[in-house]
Amino acid sequence: MTNIAFKYQPVNDAGQATGWRSKKGVFDGDQLKLDGSTIQATAVTHTVLVENVLVLMVLNADSQPTKVALLIHSGNAQQLKTRLDHVRSAAFVAASEKESQSQGQGGLFRKEICPNCSATLNLSQFDPTPQLFCDYCDTVSTVPKQLETPSNESEYRLCEHCGMYSRPRKFTEFYFYFLFVFYGWWTKHSMRCPACMRGAAWKMLGINFLFVLGIIPSIYQLVRAYASDKVSGPFSGLHAANLNATRRKYSAATKTYQAILERVPVAAGIHYNLGLALVQNAEWERAAAAFELSLDDCSNYRYAAGGLMHCYETLGRTEELADMQQQWGAPS
């Protein structure tokens, strides 16, 4: 396993890089070495990558979580996160499997490898289903793939803005301002589905029209928003359905979701979107049924589990809610 070398700056709680020069770091497959300090991969409990800022939750010597944030300047930040997740997930699952065997329950232990990021997943508490969800890369995978499975299934996940299952793309907001002697610009990156990109792109164009220089990047993002909305293959119509759902055109949205599900019978993400649309329309019984079907396709899909627990609570189905909370914990 080759080392991953990178340059970074520490990031403070305000989200600002500290220090005036970059530092050297390396991950050797076991330890993350950061300018004199060392972090064991197995001490990392959570990783989040936002643009090029890698945030780690690390257990210290007292088993207390500590946040470490790094702005990666050179090297592949995504590759570093994926490698960390691969190593720590394998160690966590191996420890759980050993404990299960010591308790005489080794035959009930079930693990899978995420086909997208190669993280090891402990699925022992979940029923076997055609799909699995990976908390490390946030994707749903059909294992083994079926004839109806989209070839680019790994590109689908929840949109950061609307929270719907879609094919998000990197979206750059850019605003230029000029006020007499003061001028400058502001940018922000996010992963948005085409439906969310549209509104943001039109807003960006409208504001940048005042100062001219921001018009070209605004038009570029607007073209991307509409061009990336073309989804062919089994999930054709998905983004149009999501757009209808956000515009409260629930009948049109649910009709398209149902049409997709006729083409792709195993699709936890589509059932999840259908459940969200029904929740927004206060159709709680139908929403619960949609989330149940999502979990039938992917038993460890925590987003569907959260939606279903919310439905059970609203409907007063206390026994079913208690059963789910025992398996999943309180909804977040």
Protein backbone atom coordinates (compact mmCIF):
# COMPACT_ATOMS: atom_id res chain seq x y z
CA MET A 1 0.00 0.00 0.00
CA THR A 2 1.62 3.23 -1.17
CA ASN A 3 1.86 6.30 1.04
CA ILE A 4 -0.30 9.33 0.37
CA ALA A 5 1.69 12.54 0.73
CA PHE A 6 0.00 15.94 0.87
CA LYS A 7 0.44 19.54 2.01
CA TYR A 8 -2.03 21.16 4.34
CA GLN A 9 -2.86 23.99 6.70
CA PRO A 10 -4.71 23.46 9.98
CA VAL A 11 -8.22 24.96 10.06
CA ASN A 12 -9.59 26.60 13.21
CA ASP A 13 -13.15 26.46 14.58
CA ALA A 14 -14.08 29.53 12.55
CA GLY A 15 -13.23 27.65 9.36
CA GLN A 16 -10.10 29.72 8.66
CA ALA A 17 -6.74 28.25 7.69
CA THR A 18 -4.04 29.07 10.25
CA GLY A 19 -0.35 29.71 9.65
CA TRP A 20 1.23 31.38 6.67
CA ARG A 21 2.83 28.31 5.09
CA SER A 22 1.72 24.80 4.22
CA LYS A 23 2.87 21.80 6.24
CA LYS A 24 3.69 18.31 5.05
CA GLY A 25 1.57 15.31 5.89
CA VAL A 26 1.57 11.64 4.94
CA PHE A 27 -0.71 8.65 5.47
CA ASP A 28 1.15 5.34 5.40
CA GLY A 29 -1.87 3.07 5.62
CA ASP A 30 -1.73 2.91 9.39
CA GLN A 31 -0.84 6.35 10.73
CA LEU A 32 -1.64 9.88 9.64
CA LYS A 33 1.53 11.92 10.27
CA LEU A 34 1.01 15.66 10.58
CA ASP A 35 4.07 17.85 11.15
CA GLY A 36 5.33 16.06 14.25
CA SER A 37 2.03 14.64 15.49
CA THR A 38 0.62 11.21 14.65
CA ILE A 39 -2.97 9.99 14.43
CA GLN A 40 -3.77 6.29 14.28
CA ALA A 41 -6.29 5.50 11.56
CA THR A 42 -8.26 3.41 14.04
CA ALA A 43 -8.62 6.44 16.34
CA VAL A 44 -10.58 8.29 13.64
CA THR A 45 -14.31 7.82 14.21
CA HIS A 46 -15.68 10.03 11.43
CA THR A 47 -14.48 11.84 8.32
CA VAL A 48 -16.11 14.63 6.33
CA LEU A 49 -14.72 16.25 3.19
CA VAL A 50 -16.05 19.69 2.25
CA GLU A 51 -14.30 20.98 -0.87
CA ASN A 52 -10.64 20.51 0.13
CA VAL A 53 -11.20 20.70 3.89
CA LEU A 54 -10.95 17.29 5.54
CA VAL A 55 -12.53 17.16 8.99
CA LEU A 56 -11.68 14.25 11.28
CA MET A 57 -13.19 13.24 14.62
CA VAL A 58 -10.38 11.61 16.58
CA LEU A 59 -10.50 9.83 19.94
CA ASN A 60 -7.73 11.11 22.21
CA ALA A 61 -5.94 9.17 24.97
CA ASP A 62 -8.96 9.69 27.25
CA SER A 63 -11.34 8.37 24.57
CA GLN A 64 -12.78 11.85 24.12
CA PRO A 65 -13.57 13.04 20.58
CA THR A 66 -11.40 15.83 19.20
CA LYS A 67 -11.93 17.62 15.90
CA VAL A 68 -9.03 17.97 13.49
CA ALA A 69 -9.60 20.02 10.33
CA LEU A 70 -7.10 20.23 7.47
CA LEU A 71 -7.14 22.36 4.34
CA ILE A 72 -5.48 20.14 1.74
CA HIS A 73 -3.40 22.21 -0.70
CA SER A 74 -1.67 19.49 -2.71
CA GLY A 75 -2.43 15.82 -3.05
CA ASN A 76 -5.80 14.19 -3.53
CA ALA A 77 -8.08 15.03 -0.59
CA GLN A 78 -10.76 12.58 -1.74
CA GLN A 79 -8.20 9.80 -2.09
CA LEU A 80 -6.92 10.51 1.43
CA LYS A 81 -10.44 10.33 2.90
CA THR A 82 -11.25 7.14 0.98
CA ARG A 83 -8.02 5.44 2.13
CA LEU A 84 -8.62 6.46 5.76
CA ASP A 85 -12.19 5.16 5.60
CA HIS A 86 -11.03 1.92 4.00
CA VAL A 87 -8.48 1.23 6.76
CA ARG A 88 -10.55 2.28 9.75
CA SER A 89 -13.74 0.57 8.59
CA ALA A 90 -11.90 -2.73 8.11
CA ALA A 91 -10.43 -2.46 11.62
CA PHE A 92 -13.77 -1.59 13.23
CA VAL A 93 -15.60 -4.45 11.55
CA ALA A 94 -12.80 -6.92 12.36
CA ALA A 95 -13.04 -5.96 16.04
CA SER A 96 -16.85 -6.36 15.98
CA GLU A 97 -16.56 -9.73 14.27
CA LYS A 98 -14.05 -10.94 16.86
CA GLU A 99 -16.36 -9.85 19.69
CA SER A 100 -19.31 -11.57 18.01
CA GLN A 101 -17.34 -14.80 17.71
CA SER A 102 -16.29 -14.63 21.38
CA GLN A 103 -19.98 -14.49 22.28
CA GLY A 104 -20.75 -17.50 20.12
CA GLN A 105 -22.64 -15.45 17.52
CA GLY A 106 -20.08 -15.55 14.73
CA GLY A 107 -22.51 -17.34 12.44
CA LEU A 108 -24.87 -14.35 12.60
CA PHE A 109 -22.18 -11.85 11.69
CA ARG A 110 -22.58 -10.34 8.21
CA LYS A 111 -20.27 -7.90 6.50
CA GLU A 112 -20.02 -6.47 2.98
CA ILE A 113 -17.51 -4.40 1.03
CA CYS A 114 -18.87 -1.20 -0.50
CA PRO A 115 -18.40 -1.55 -4.28
CA ASN A 116 -17.94 2.21 -4.60
CA CYS A 117 -15.30 3.09 -1.95
CA SER A 118 -14.21 -0.36 -0.67
CA ALA A 119 -15.13 0.44 2.94
CA THR A 120 -16.10 -2.57 5.08
CA LEU A 121 -19.67 -2.47 6.38
CA ASN A 122 -21.13 -4.35 9.35
CA LEU A 123 -24.63 -5.38 8.28
CA SER A 124 -25.26 -7.95 11.02
CA GLN A 125 -28.28 -6.13 12.47
CA PHE A 126 -29.97 -5.76 9.08
CA ASP A 127 -31.82 -8.23 6.89
CA PRO A 128 -30.15 -9.16 3.58
CA THR A 129 -31.53 -7.00 0.78
CA PRO A 130 -30.62 -6.38 -2.89
CA GLN A 131 -29.00 -3.05 -2.03
CA LEU A 132 -26.66 -1.74 0.66
CA PHE A 133 -25.96 1.76 1.91
CA CYS A 134 -22.45 2.98 2.69
CA ASP A 135 -22.13 5.63 5.40
CA TYR A 136 -18.59 6.35 4.28
CA CYS A 137 -19.35 7.47 0.70
CA ASP A 138 -23.10 8.07 1.14
CA THR A 139 -24.13 5.87 -1.78
CA VAL A 140 -26.64 3.08 -2.34
CA SER A 141 -25.32 0.11 -4.33
CA THR A 142 -27.14 -2.83 -5.88
CA VAL A 143 -25.20 -6.02 -5.06
CA PRO A 144 -25.00 -7.87 -7.34
CA LYS A 145 -25.99 -5.46 -10.08
CA GLN A 146 -29.18 -6.25 -11.95
CA LEU A 147 -30.05 -5.68 -15.59
CA GLU A 148 -32.10 -2.61 -14.64
CA THR A 149 -29.38 -1.07 -12.45
CA PRO A 150 -28.05 2.24 -13.88
CA SER A 151 -24.41 1.91 -14.94
CA ASN A 152 -23.57 5.14 -13.07
CA GLU A 153 -25.43 4.21 -9.88
CA SER A 154 -22.47 5.31 -7.72
CA GLU A 155 -22.95 8.93 -8.86
CA TYR A 156 -26.37 9.14 -7.18
CA ARG A 157 -26.77 10.34 -3.60
CA LEU A 158 -28.71 12.95 -1.63
CA CYS A 159 -28.46 16.57 -2.77
CA GLU A 160 -26.82 18.80 -0.14
CA HIS A 161 -29.47 21.48 -0.70
CA CYS A 162 -32.87 19.77 -1.04
CA GLY A 163 -31.98 16.38 0.46
CA MET A 164 -33.47 14.38 -2.40
CA TYR A 165 -31.91 11.35 -4.07
CA SER A 166 -30.42 12.62 -7.32
CA ARG A 167 -27.21 13.00 -9.29
CA PRO A 168 -25.62 16.09 -7.71
CA ARG A 169 -22.89 18.06 -9.41
CA LYS A 170 -20.41 20.60 -8.11
CA PHE A 171 -21.96 24.06 -8.28
CA THR A 172 -19.93 27.24 -7.86
CA GLU A 173 -21.68 30.39 -6.69
CA PHE A 174 -19.80 33.51 -7.79
CA TYR A 175 -20.77 37.08 -6.98
CA PHE A 176 -18.79 40.15 -8.05
CA TYR A 177 -19.49 43.50 -6.42
CA PHE A 178 -18.27 47.03 -7.11
CA LEU A 179 -19.30 49.87 -4.79
CA PHE A 180 -17.42 53.01 -5.76
CA VAL A 181 -13.92 52.42 -4.34
CA PHE A 182 -14.77 48.98 -2.92
CA TYR A 183 -14.85 45.88 -5.08
CA GLY A 184 -14.36 42.16 -4.71
CA TRP A 185 -15.98 38.78 -5.20
CA TRP A 186 -17.47 35.95 -3.18
CA THR A 187 -17.53 32.27 -4.08
CA LYS A 188 -18.94 29.12 -2.55
CA HIS A 189 -18.95 25.51 -3.76
CA SER A 190 -21.65 22.95 -3.08
CA MET A 191 -22.97 19.67 -4.48
CA ARG A 192 -26.43 20.29 -5.90
CA CYS A 193 -28.88 18.42 -8.06
CA PRO A 194 -29.94 20.11 -11.33
CA ALA A 195 -33.26 21.16 -9.80
CA CYS A 196 -31.46 23.12 -7.07
CA MET A 197 -28.80 24.38 -9.47
CA ARG A 198 -31.45 26.11 -11.57
CA GLY A 199 -32.76 28.39 -8.84
CA ALA A 200 -29.29 29.24 -7.59
CA ALA A 201 -28.04 29.96 -11.12
CA TRP A 202 -30.94 32.32 -11.91
CA LYS A 203 -30.39 34.12 -8.59
CA MET A 204 -26.68 34.45 -9.35
CA LEU A 205 -27.41 35.86 -12.81
CA GLY A 206 -29.89 38.38 -11.45
CA ILE A 207 -27.52 39.74 -8.79
CA ASN A 208 -24.45 39.75 -11.03
CA PHE A 209 -26.34 41.68 -13.70
CA LEU A 210 -25.83 44.74 -11.51
CA PHE A 211 -22.05 44.61 -11.83
CA VAL A 212 -21.55 43.00 -15.27
CA LEU A 213 -18.33 41.06 -14.53
CA GLY A 214 -20.19 38.22 -12.88
CA ILE A 215 -22.53 37.63 -15.84
CA ILE A 216 -20.29 35.18 -17.73
CA PRO A 217 -19.78 32.70 -14.84
CA SER A 218 -23.51 33.05 -14.06
CA ILE A 219 -24.49 32.08 -17.60
CA TYR A 220 -22.02 29.19 -17.51
CA GLN A 221 -23.59 27.79 -14.33
CA LEU A 222 -27.08 28.31 -15.79
CA VAL A 223 -26.17 26.29 -18.89
CA ARG A 224 -24.70 23.55 -16.68
CA ALA A 225 -27.87 23.46 -14.59
CA TYR A 226 -30.08 22.77 -17.58
CA ALA A 227 -27.60 20.56 -19.45
CA SER A 228 -27.01 18.26 -16.47
CA ASP A 229 -30.78 17.85 -16.08
CA LYS A 230 -30.82 15.39 -18.96
CA VAL A 231 -30.91 11.96 -17.35
CA SER A 232 -31.17 9.06 -19.76
CA GLY A 233 -31.55 5.38 -19.06
CA PRO A 234 -33.47 3.78 -16.20
CA PHE A 235 -33.62 6.94 -14.05
CA SER A 236 -34.92 9.13 -16.88
CA GLY A 237 -37.21 11.84 -15.51
CA LEU A 238 -35.79 11.76 -11.97
CA HIS A 239 -34.65 15.37 -11.82
CA ALA A 240 -37.88 16.61 -13.38
CA ALA A 241 -39.78 14.70 -10.69
CA ASN A 242 -37.59 16.20 -7.96
CA LEU A 243 -38.22 19.67 -9.39
CA ASN A 244 -41.98 19.04 -9.37
CA ALA A 245 -41.75 17.85 -5.76
CA THR A 246 -39.94 21.03 -4.67
CA ARG A 247 -42.58 23.08 -6.50
CA ARG A 248 -45.34 21.19 -4.66
CA LYS A 249 -46.60 19.52 -7.83
CA TYR A 250 -46.92 16.25 -5.96
CA SER A 251 -49.21 14.44 -8.38
CA ALA A 252 -46.78 14.92 -11.29
CA ALA A 253 -43.79 14.03 -9.12
CA THR A 254 -45.27 10.80 -7.73
CA LYS A 255 -46.43 9.74 -11.19
CA THR A 256 -42.85 10.01 -12.51
CA TYR A 257 -41.38 8.22 -9.49
CA GLN A 258 -43.82 5.36 -10.04
CA ALA A 259 -42.84 5.19 -13.72
CA ILE A 260 -39.15 4.95 -12.76
CA LEU A 261 -39.92 2.19 -10.25
CA GLU A 262 -41.66 0.20 -12.98
CA ARG A 263 -38.38 0.26 -14.92
CA VAL A 264 -36.11 -0.22 -11.90
CA PRO A 265 -37.92 -2.38 -9.31
CA VAL A 266 -34.99 -2.25 -6.87
CA ALA A 267 -34.33 1.42 -6.13
CA ALA A 268 -34.30 2.47 -2.47
CA GLY A 269 -33.43 6.07 -3.39
CA ILE A 270 -36.50 6.48 -5.62
CA HIS A 271 -38.80 5.04 -2.96
CA TYR A 272 -37.19 7.48 -0.53
CA ASN A 273 -37.93 10.46 -2.80
CA LEU A 274 -41.51 9.27 -3.18
CA GLY A 275 -41.78 9.11 0.61
CA LEU A 276 -40.42 12.65 0.94
CA ALA A 277 -42.93 14.00 -1.58
CA LEU A 278 -45.80 12.29 0.26
CA VAL A 279 -44.59 13.63 3.61
CA GLN A 280 -44.55 17.16 2.19
CA ASN A 281 -48.15 16.59 1.09
CA ALA A 282 -49.04 15.23 4.55
CA GLU A 283 -49.97 11.80 3.15
CA TRP A 284 -48.45 10.00 6.12
CA GLU A 285 -49.74 6.47 5.55
CA ARG A 286 -48.59 6.41 1.93
CA ALA A 287 -45.29 8.02 2.91
CA ALA A 288 -44.70 5.31 5.52
CA ALA A 289 -45.41 2.65 2.91
CA ALA A 290 -42.88 4.27 0.54
CA PHE A 291 -40.17 4.36 3.22
CA GLU A 292 -40.93 0.73 4.11
CA LEU A 293 -40.41 -0.23 0.46
CA SER A 294 -37.14 1.71 0.47
CA LEU A 295 -35.94 -0.37 3.43
CA ASP A 296 -37.15 -3.54 1.69
CA ASP A 297 -34.69 -2.70 -1.09
CA CYS A 298 -31.90 -1.47 1.23
CA SER A 299 -32.35 -2.52 4.84
CA ASN A 300 -29.57 -0.25 6.21
CA TYR A 301 -30.62 2.93 4.35
CA ARG A 302 -30.62 5.24 7.36
CA TYR A 303 -32.31 8.15 5.57
CA ALA A 304 -35.36 5.99 4.83
CA ALA A 305 -35.29 4.71 8.41
CA GLY A 306 -35.36 8.28 9.73
CA GLY A 307 -38.28 9.14 7.45
CA LEU A 308 -40.19 6.04 8.50
CA MET A 309 -39.71 6.74 12.21
CA HIS A 310 -41.00 10.27 11.66
CA CYS A 311 -44.10 8.84 9.95
CA TYR A 312 -44.68 6.30 12.72
CA GLU A 313 -44.42 9.03 15.34
CA THR A 314 -46.86 11.28 13.48
CA LEU A 315 -49.32 8.42 12.97
CA GLY A 316 -49.10 7.30 16.57
CA ARG A 317 -47.81 3.85 15.63
CA THR A 318 -45.88 3.58 18.88
CA GLU A 319 -45.06 -0.13 18.85
CA GLU A 320 -43.51 0.00 15.38
CA LEU A 321 -41.65 3.18 16.33
CA ALA A 322 -40.25 1.51 19.45
CA ASP A 323 -39.06 -1.47 17.41
CA MET A 324 -37.25 0.82 14.98
CA GLN A 325 -35.70 2.92 17.73
CA GLN A 326 -34.36 -0.23 19.33
CA GLN A 327 -32.61 -1.09 16.06
CA TRP A 328 -31.59 2.40 14.93
CA GLY A 329 -31.69 4.62 17.98
CA ALA A 330 -33.59 7.92 18.13
CA PRO A 331 -34.22 9.57 14.73
CA SER A 332 -31.95 12.45 13.73
